[in-house]
Amino acid sequence: MARTKEFDENAVLLKAMRLFWEQGYEKTSMQELVSHMGIHKGSLYDTFGDKQSLYVKALKRYIEMFEQSVRLPVKRRMADTRSAKEAIRMMLEIAVQQKEEFPDGCFMVNTAVELAKHDSICRDLVKLGWATVEQLIYDIIVEGQQSGEISKALNAEWLSHYFNNAIIGLRVMVKTITDREKFRQIIDMNMSVLE
């Protein structure tokens, strides 16, 4: 008879995600994961597989959370204000917001820097995550062009690349900079390309 799990799988996955996010893949040992997650080593392997499999599951969960924390609020803003520029500004502002329960920066960016060159699964997940953000930006820009808010002379695809790059840059900067005014100035400068 199979034993029932004595832990919330999503809760312990979030604990693993946070530890990987704080320390990176290489610096995080299996013993630290077991201790931090509060489960037995056998349960970790039975539920999540090896360290690399656990990391991939944590990264997938992060990408889901990232999409929920960005896509839904931005779509609501678009529905409320009908302003593509406000929606894009909101995406830039979300990039510099930090939640107390999570480390500074972006787990996807950390993964790209540490693992993408050597781990094709992680590289593909990061590319998928960033492609999702670019598609959202592209859709917002096209809506803005259709409404006349954004010039049709601007290339929507290039702008989606540009703003995704700006978001990634802000997610890196937030790891070391706390000056909110500096972030406001950077966001204003990025937004000026739509004028």
C-alpha atoms as a PDB file:
ATOM      1  CA  MET A   1       0.000   0.000   0.000  1.00  0.00           C
ATOM      2  CA  ALA A   2       1.427   3.396  -1.015  1.00  0.00           C
ATOM      3  CA  ARG A   3       2.108   5.891   1.746  1.00  0.00           C
ATOM      4  CA  THR A   4       0.347   9.219   1.600  1.00  0.00           C
ATOM      5  CA  LYS A   5       2.529  12.292   1.499  1.00  0.00           C
ATOM      6  CA  GLU A   6       2.835  14.104   4.791  1.00  0.00           C
ATOM      7  CA  PHE A   7       3.669  17.436   3.207  1.00  0.00           C
ATOM      8  CA  ASP A   8       2.221  19.963   0.790  1.00  0.00           C
ATOM      9  CA  GLU A   9       4.116  19.388  -2.457  1.00  0.00           C
ATOM     10  CA  ASN A  10       3.611  22.953  -3.703  1.00  0.00           C
ATOM     11  CA  ALA A  11       4.750  24.476  -0.383  1.00  0.00           C
ATOM     12  CA  VAL A  12       7.985  22.481  -0.286  1.00  0.00           C
ATOM     13  CA  LEU A  13       8.605  23.199  -3.979  1.00  0.00           C
ATOM     14  CA  LEU A  14       8.339  26.917  -3.195  1.00  0.00           C
ATOM     15  CA  LYS A  15      10.896  26.450  -0.413  1.00  0.00           C
ATOM     16  CA  ALA A  16      13.271  24.770  -2.854  1.00  0.00           C
ATOM     17  CA  MET A  17      12.674  27.520  -5.400  1.00  0.00           C
ATOM     18  CA  ARG A  18      13.538  30.178  -2.842  1.00  0.00           C
ATOM     19  CA  LEU A  19      16.758  28.419  -1.826  1.00  0.00           C
ATOM     20  CA  PHE A  20      17.855  27.928  -5.441  1.00  0.00           C
ATOM     21  CA  TRP A  21      16.919  31.562  -6.148  1.00  0.00           C
ATOM     22  CA  GLU A  22      19.025  32.802  -3.218  1.00  0.00           C
ATOM     23  CA  GLN A  23      22.055  30.559  -3.687  1.00  0.00           C
ATOM     24  CA  GLY A  24      22.018  29.310  -7.256  1.00  0.00           C
ATOM     25  CA  TYR A  25      22.102  25.736  -8.456  1.00  0.00           C
ATOM     26  CA  GLU A  26      25.755  24.924  -7.879  1.00  0.00           C
ATOM     27  CA  LYS A  27      25.968  26.353  -4.341  1.00  0.00           C
ATOM     28  CA  THR A  28      22.866  24.537  -3.123  1.00  0.00           C
ATOM     29  CA  SER A  29      23.533  21.063  -1.751  1.00  0.00           C
ATOM     30  CA  MET A  30      21.018  18.261  -1.453  1.00  0.00           C
ATOM     31  CA  GLN A  31      21.444  18.364   2.330  1.00  0.00           C
ATOM     32  CA  GLU A  32      20.554  22.069   2.357  1.00  0.00           C
ATOM     33  CA  LEU A  33      17.503  21.339   0.230  1.00  0.00           C
ATOM     34  CA  VAL A  34      16.346  18.546   2.538  1.00  0.00           C
ATOM     35  CA  SER A  35      16.839  20.754   5.589  1.00  0.00           C
ATOM     36  CA  HIS A  36      15.251  23.850   4.032  1.00  0.00           C
ATOM     37  CA  MET A  37      12.296  21.976   2.562  1.00  0.00           C
ATOM     38  CA  GLY A  38      11.664  20.125   5.830  1.00  0.00           C
ATOM     39  CA  ILE A  39      11.232  16.714   4.233  1.00  0.00           C
ATOM     40  CA  HIS A  40      13.222  13.479   4.254  1.00  0.00           C
ATOM     41  CA  LYS A  41      15.770  12.833   1.547  1.00  0.00           C
ATOM     42  CA  GLY A  42      13.799   9.809   0.341  1.00  0.00           C
ATOM     43  CA  SER A  43      10.638  11.908   0.041  1.00  0.00           C
ATOM     44  CA  LEU A  44      12.536  14.531  -1.938  1.00  0.00           C
ATOM     45  CA  TYR A  45      13.820  11.944  -4.424  1.00  0.00           C
ATOM     46  CA  ASP A  46      10.465  10.124  -4.619  1.00  0.00           C
ATOM     47  CA  THR A  47       8.498  13.306  -5.241  1.00  0.00           C
ATOM     48  CA  PHE A  48      10.863  15.527  -7.217  1.00  0.00           C
ATOM     49  CA  GLY A  49      13.661  13.301  -8.505  1.00  0.00           C
ATOM     50  CA  ASP A  50      17.278  14.384  -8.422  1.00  0.00           C
ATOM     51  CA  LYS A  51      18.598  17.912  -7.822  1.00  0.00           C
ATOM     52  CA  GLN A  52      18.420  18.889 -11.494  1.00  0.00           C
ATOM     53  CA  SER A  53      14.825  17.652 -11.794  1.00  0.00           C
ATOM     54  CA  LEU A  54      13.876  19.571  -8.659  1.00  0.00           C
ATOM     55  CA  TYR A  55      15.505  22.712 -10.053  1.00  0.00           C
ATOM     56  CA  VAL A  56      13.588  22.372 -13.326  1.00  0.00           C
ATOM     57  CA  LYS A  57      10.300  21.926 -11.426  1.00  0.00           C
ATOM     58  CA  ALA A  58      11.103  24.977  -9.299  1.00  0.00           C
ATOM     59  CA  LEU A  59      11.896  27.023 -12.422  1.00  0.00           C
ATOM     60  CA  LYS A  60       8.641  25.927 -14.098  1.00  0.00           C
ATOM     61  CA  ARG A  61       6.723  26.935 -10.975  1.00  0.00           C
ATOM     62  CA  TYR A  62       8.478  30.316 -10.960  1.00  0.00           C
ATOM     63  CA  ILE A  63       7.568  30.921 -14.597  1.00  0.00           C
ATOM     64  CA  GLU A  64       3.916  30.117 -13.808  1.00  0.00           C
ATOM     65  CA  MET A  65       3.979  32.513 -10.852  1.00  0.00           C
ATOM     66  CA  PHE A  66       5.737  35.190 -12.900  1.00  0.00           C
ATOM     67  CA  GLU A  67       3.136  34.946 -15.624  1.00  0.00           C
ATOM     68  CA  GLN A  68       0.290  35.207 -13.094  1.00  0.00           C
ATOM     69  CA  SER A  69       1.875  38.185 -11.342  1.00  0.00           C
ATOM     70  CA  VAL A  70       2.461  40.044 -14.619  1.00  0.00           C
ATOM     71  CA  ARG A  71      -0.044  38.919 -17.261  1.00  0.00           C
ATOM     72  CA  LEU A  72      -3.206  39.160 -15.156  1.00  0.00           C
ATOM     73  CA  PRO A  73      -2.568  42.624 -13.633  1.00  0.00           C
ATOM     74  CA  VAL A  74      -1.428  44.019 -16.984  1.00  0.00           C
ATOM     75  CA  LYS A  75      -4.475  42.641 -18.796  1.00  0.00           C
ATOM     76  CA  ARG A  76      -6.713  44.140 -16.073  1.00  0.00           C
ATOM     77  CA  ARG A  77      -4.977  47.506 -16.505  1.00  0.00           C
ATOM     78  CA  MET A  78      -5.551  47.340 -20.250  1.00  0.00           C
ATOM     79  CA  ALA A  79      -9.216  46.515 -19.702  1.00  0.00           C
ATOM     80  CA  ASP A  80      -9.631  49.356 -17.165  1.00  0.00           C
ATOM     81  CA  THR A  81      -7.678  52.147 -18.857  1.00  0.00           C
ATOM     82  CA  ARG A  82      -7.499  51.043 -22.496  1.00  0.00           C
ATOM     83  CA  SER A  83      -3.950  52.443 -22.413  1.00  0.00           C
ATOM     84  CA  ALA A  84      -1.158  50.359 -23.912  1.00  0.00           C
ATOM     85  CA  LYS A  85       1.443  52.786 -22.580  1.00  0.00           C
ATOM     86  CA  GLU A  86       0.132  52.417 -19.037  1.00  0.00           C
ATOM     87  CA  ALA A  87       0.205  48.626 -19.377  1.00  0.00           C
ATOM     88  CA  ILE A  88       3.832  48.661 -20.551  1.00  0.00           C
ATOM     89  CA  ARG A  89       4.811  51.074 -17.764  1.00  0.00           C
ATOM     90  CA  MET A  90       3.144  48.725 -15.308  1.00  0.00           C
ATOM     91  CA  MET A  91       5.273  45.834 -16.591  1.00  0.00           C
ATOM     92  CA  LEU A  92       8.431  47.902 -16.050  1.00  0.00           C
ATOM     93  CA  GLU A  93       7.260  48.883 -12.563  1.00  0.00           C
ATOM     94  CA  ILE A  94       6.480  45.264 -11.658  1.00  0.00           C
ATOM     95  CA  ALA A  95      10.073  44.395 -12.638  1.00  0.00           C
ATOM     96  CA  VAL A  96      11.431  46.544  -9.789  1.00  0.00           C
ATOM     97  CA  GLN A  97       8.881  45.572  -7.164  1.00  0.00           C
ATOM     98  CA  GLN A  98      10.147  43.112  -4.608  1.00  0.00           C
ATOM     99  CA  LYS A  99       8.104  40.844  -2.386  1.00  0.00           C
ATOM    100  CA  GLU A 100       9.376  40.133   1.108  1.00  0.00           C
ATOM    101  CA  GLU A 101       8.818  36.396   0.756  1.00  0.00           C
ATOM    102  CA  PHE A 102      11.173  36.157  -2.242  1.00  0.00           C
ATOM    103  CA  PRO A 103      14.803  37.117  -2.880  1.00  0.00           C
ATOM    104  CA  ASP A 104      15.702  40.194  -4.907  1.00  0.00           C
ATOM    105  CA  GLY A 105      15.927  39.917  -8.649  1.00  0.00           C
ATOM    106  CA  CYS A 106      14.595  37.237 -10.921  1.00  0.00           C
ATOM    107  CA  PHE A 107      15.011  33.476 -10.718  1.00  0.00           C
ATOM    108  CA  MET A 108      14.782  33.253 -14.530  1.00  0.00           C
ATOM    109  CA  VAL A 109      17.612  35.768 -14.958  1.00  0.00           C
ATOM    110  CA  ASN A 110      19.712  33.900 -12.387  1.00  0.00           C
ATOM    111  CA  THR A 111      19.097  30.663 -14.283  1.00  0.00           C
ATOM    112  CA  ALA A 112      20.056  32.240 -17.602  1.00  0.00           C
ATOM    113  CA  VAL A 113      23.330  33.507 -16.156  1.00  0.00           C
ATOM    114  CA  GLU A 114      24.278  30.358 -14.254  1.00  0.00           C
ATOM    115  CA  LEU A 115      22.905  27.441 -16.262  1.00  0.00           C
ATOM    116  CA  ALA A 116      21.617  28.334 -19.728  1.00  0.00           C
ATOM    117  CA  LYS A 117      24.938  27.745 -21.446  1.00  0.00           C
ATOM    118  CA  HIS A 118      25.324  24.256 -19.954  1.00  0.00           C
ATOM    119  CA  ASP A 119      21.769  23.022 -19.398  1.00  0.00           C
ATOM    120  CA  SER A 120      19.521  22.856 -22.462  1.00  0.00           C
ATOM    121  CA  ILE A 121      16.372  22.225 -20.425  1.00  0.00           C
ATOM    122  CA  CYS A 122      16.898  25.354 -18.332  1.00  0.00           C
ATOM    123  CA  ARG A 123      17.910  27.362 -21.420  1.00  0.00           C
ATOM    124  CA  ASP A 124      14.718  26.333 -23.208  1.00  0.00           C
ATOM    125  CA  LEU A 125      12.571  27.174 -20.173  1.00  0.00           C
ATOM    126  CA  VAL A 126      14.141  30.628 -19.868  1.00  0.00           C
ATOM    127  CA  LYS A 127      13.678  31.239 -23.593  1.00  0.00           C
ATOM    128  CA  LEU A 128      10.035  30.173 -23.293  1.00  0.00           C
ATOM    129  CA  GLY A 129       9.505  32.444 -20.280  1.00  0.00           C
ATOM    130  CA  TRP A 130      11.014  35.427 -22.063  1.00  0.00           C
ATOM    131  CA  ALA A 131       9.132  34.651 -25.286  1.00  0.00           C
ATOM    132  CA  THR A 132       5.896  34.715 -23.274  1.00  0.00           C
ATOM    133  CA  VAL A 133       6.748  38.177 -21.925  1.00  0.00           C
ATOM    134  CA  GLU A 134       7.689  39.404 -25.411  1.00  0.00           C
ATOM    135  CA  GLN A 135       4.405  38.116 -26.821  1.00  0.00           C
ATOM    136  CA  LEU A 136       2.451  39.945 -24.113  1.00  0.00           C
ATOM    137  CA  ILE A 137       4.342  43.172 -24.876  1.00  0.00           C
ATOM    138  CA  TYR A 138       3.832  42.681 -28.613  1.00  0.00           C
ATOM    139  CA  ASP A 139       0.081  42.187 -28.146  1.00  0.00           C
ATOM    140  CA  ILE A 140      -0.134  45.334 -26.005  1.00  0.00           C
ATOM    141  CA  ILE A 141       1.795  47.397 -28.571  1.00  0.00           C
ATOM    142  CA  VAL A 142      -0.391  46.165 -31.436  1.00  0.00           C
ATOM    143  CA  GLU A 143      -3.499  47.098 -29.420  1.00  0.00           C
ATOM    144  CA  GLY A 144      -1.967  50.508 -28.801  1.00  0.00           C
ATOM    145  CA  GLN A 145      -1.265  50.928 -32.508  1.00  0.00           C
ATOM    146  CA  GLN A 146      -4.792  49.897 -33.436  1.00  0.00           C
ATOM    147  CA  SER A 147      -6.239  52.445 -31.011  1.00  0.00           C
ATOM    148  CA  GLY A 148      -3.895  55.168 -32.263  1.00  0.00           C
ATOM    149  CA  GLU A 149      -2.091  55.542 -28.932  1.00  0.00           C
ATOM    150  CA  ILE A 150       1.192  54.203 -30.359  1.00  0.00           C
ATOM    151  CA  SER A 151       2.510  55.135 -33.796  1.00  0.00           C
ATOM    152  CA  LYS A 152       2.188  52.452 -36.454  1.00  0.00           C
ATOM    153  CA  ALA A 153       5.558  53.668 -37.758  1.00  0.00           C
ATOM    154  CA  LEU A 154       7.157  51.889 -34.772  1.00  0.00           C
ATOM    155  CA  ASN A 155       7.965  48.197 -35.279  1.00  0.00           C
ATOM    156  CA  ALA A 156       5.896  46.243 -32.725  1.00  0.00           C
ATOM    157  CA  GLU A 157       8.187  43.207 -32.813  1.00  0.00           C
ATOM    158  CA  TRP A 158      11.331  45.286 -32.233  1.00  0.00           C
ATOM    159  CA  LEU A 159       9.616  47.149 -29.417  1.00  0.00           C
ATOM    160  CA  SER A 160       8.656  43.861 -27.771  1.00  0.00           C
ATOM    161  CA  HIS A 161      12.344  42.835 -27.833  1.00  0.00           C
ATOM    162  CA  TYR A 162      13.388  46.241 -26.525  1.00  0.00           C
ATOM    163  CA  PHE A 163      10.967  46.275 -23.583  1.00  0.00           C
ATOM    164  CA  ASN A 164      11.679  42.651 -22.665  1.00  0.00           C
ATOM    165  CA  ASN A 165      15.374  43.555 -22.553  1.00  0.00           C
ATOM    166  CA  ALA A 166      14.530  46.576 -20.365  1.00  0.00           C
ATOM    167  CA  ILE A 167      12.566  44.357 -17.971  1.00  0.00           C
ATOM    168  CA  ILE A 168      15.434  41.866 -17.747  1.00  0.00           C
ATOM    169  CA  GLY A 169      17.870  44.714 -17.077  1.00  0.00           C
ATOM    170  CA  LEU A 170      15.664  46.110 -14.317  1.00  0.00           C
ATOM    171  CA  ARG A 171      15.379  42.646 -12.736  1.00  0.00           C
ATOM    172  CA  VAL A 172      19.186  42.521 -12.595  1.00  0.00           C
ATOM    173  CA  MET A 173      19.561  46.063 -11.241  1.00  0.00           C
ATOM    174  CA  VAL A 174      17.048  45.510  -8.439  1.00  0.00           C
ATOM    175  CA  LYS A 175      19.508  43.054  -6.868  1.00  0.00           C
ATOM    176  CA  THR A 176      21.901  45.896  -6.022  1.00  0.00           C
ATOM    177  CA  ILE A 177      20.056  49.213  -6.297  1.00  0.00           C
ATOM    178  CA  THR A 178      17.383  50.481  -3.909  1.00  0.00           C
ATOM    179  CA  ASP A 179      17.069  54.039  -5.264  1.00  0.00           C
ATOM    180  CA  ARG A 180      13.397  54.238  -6.325  1.00  0.00           C
ATOM    181  CA  GLU A 181      13.957  57.596  -8.037  1.00  0.00           C
ATOM    182  CA  LYS A 182      16.651  56.077 -10.240  1.00  0.00           C
ATOM    183  CA  PHE A 183      14.265  53.315 -11.265  1.00  0.00           C
ATOM    184  CA  ARG A 184      11.565  55.896 -12.034  1.00  0.00           C
ATOM    185  CA  GLN A 185      13.996  57.782 -14.275  1.00  0.00           C
ATOM    186  CA  ILE A 186      15.025  54.594 -16.081  1.00  0.00           C
ATOM    187  CA  ILE A 187      11.390  53.638 -16.623  1.00  0.00           C
ATOM    188  CA  ASP A 188      10.573  57.139 -17.907  1.00  0.00           C
ATOM    189  CA  MET A 189      13.502  56.947 -20.335  1.00  0.00           C
ATOM    190  CA  ASN A 190      12.381  53.541 -21.604  1.00  0.00           C
ATOM    191  CA  MET A 191       8.842  54.807 -22.080  1.00  0.00           C
ATOM    192  CA  SER A 192      10.122  57.744 -24.137  1.00  0.00           C
ATOM    193  CA  VAL A 193      10.714  55.419 -27.125  1.00  0.00           C
ATOM    194  CA  LEU A 194       6.930  55.307 -27.545  1.00  0.00           C
ATOM    195  CA  GLU A 195       6.621  59.078 -27.936  1.00  0.00           C
END
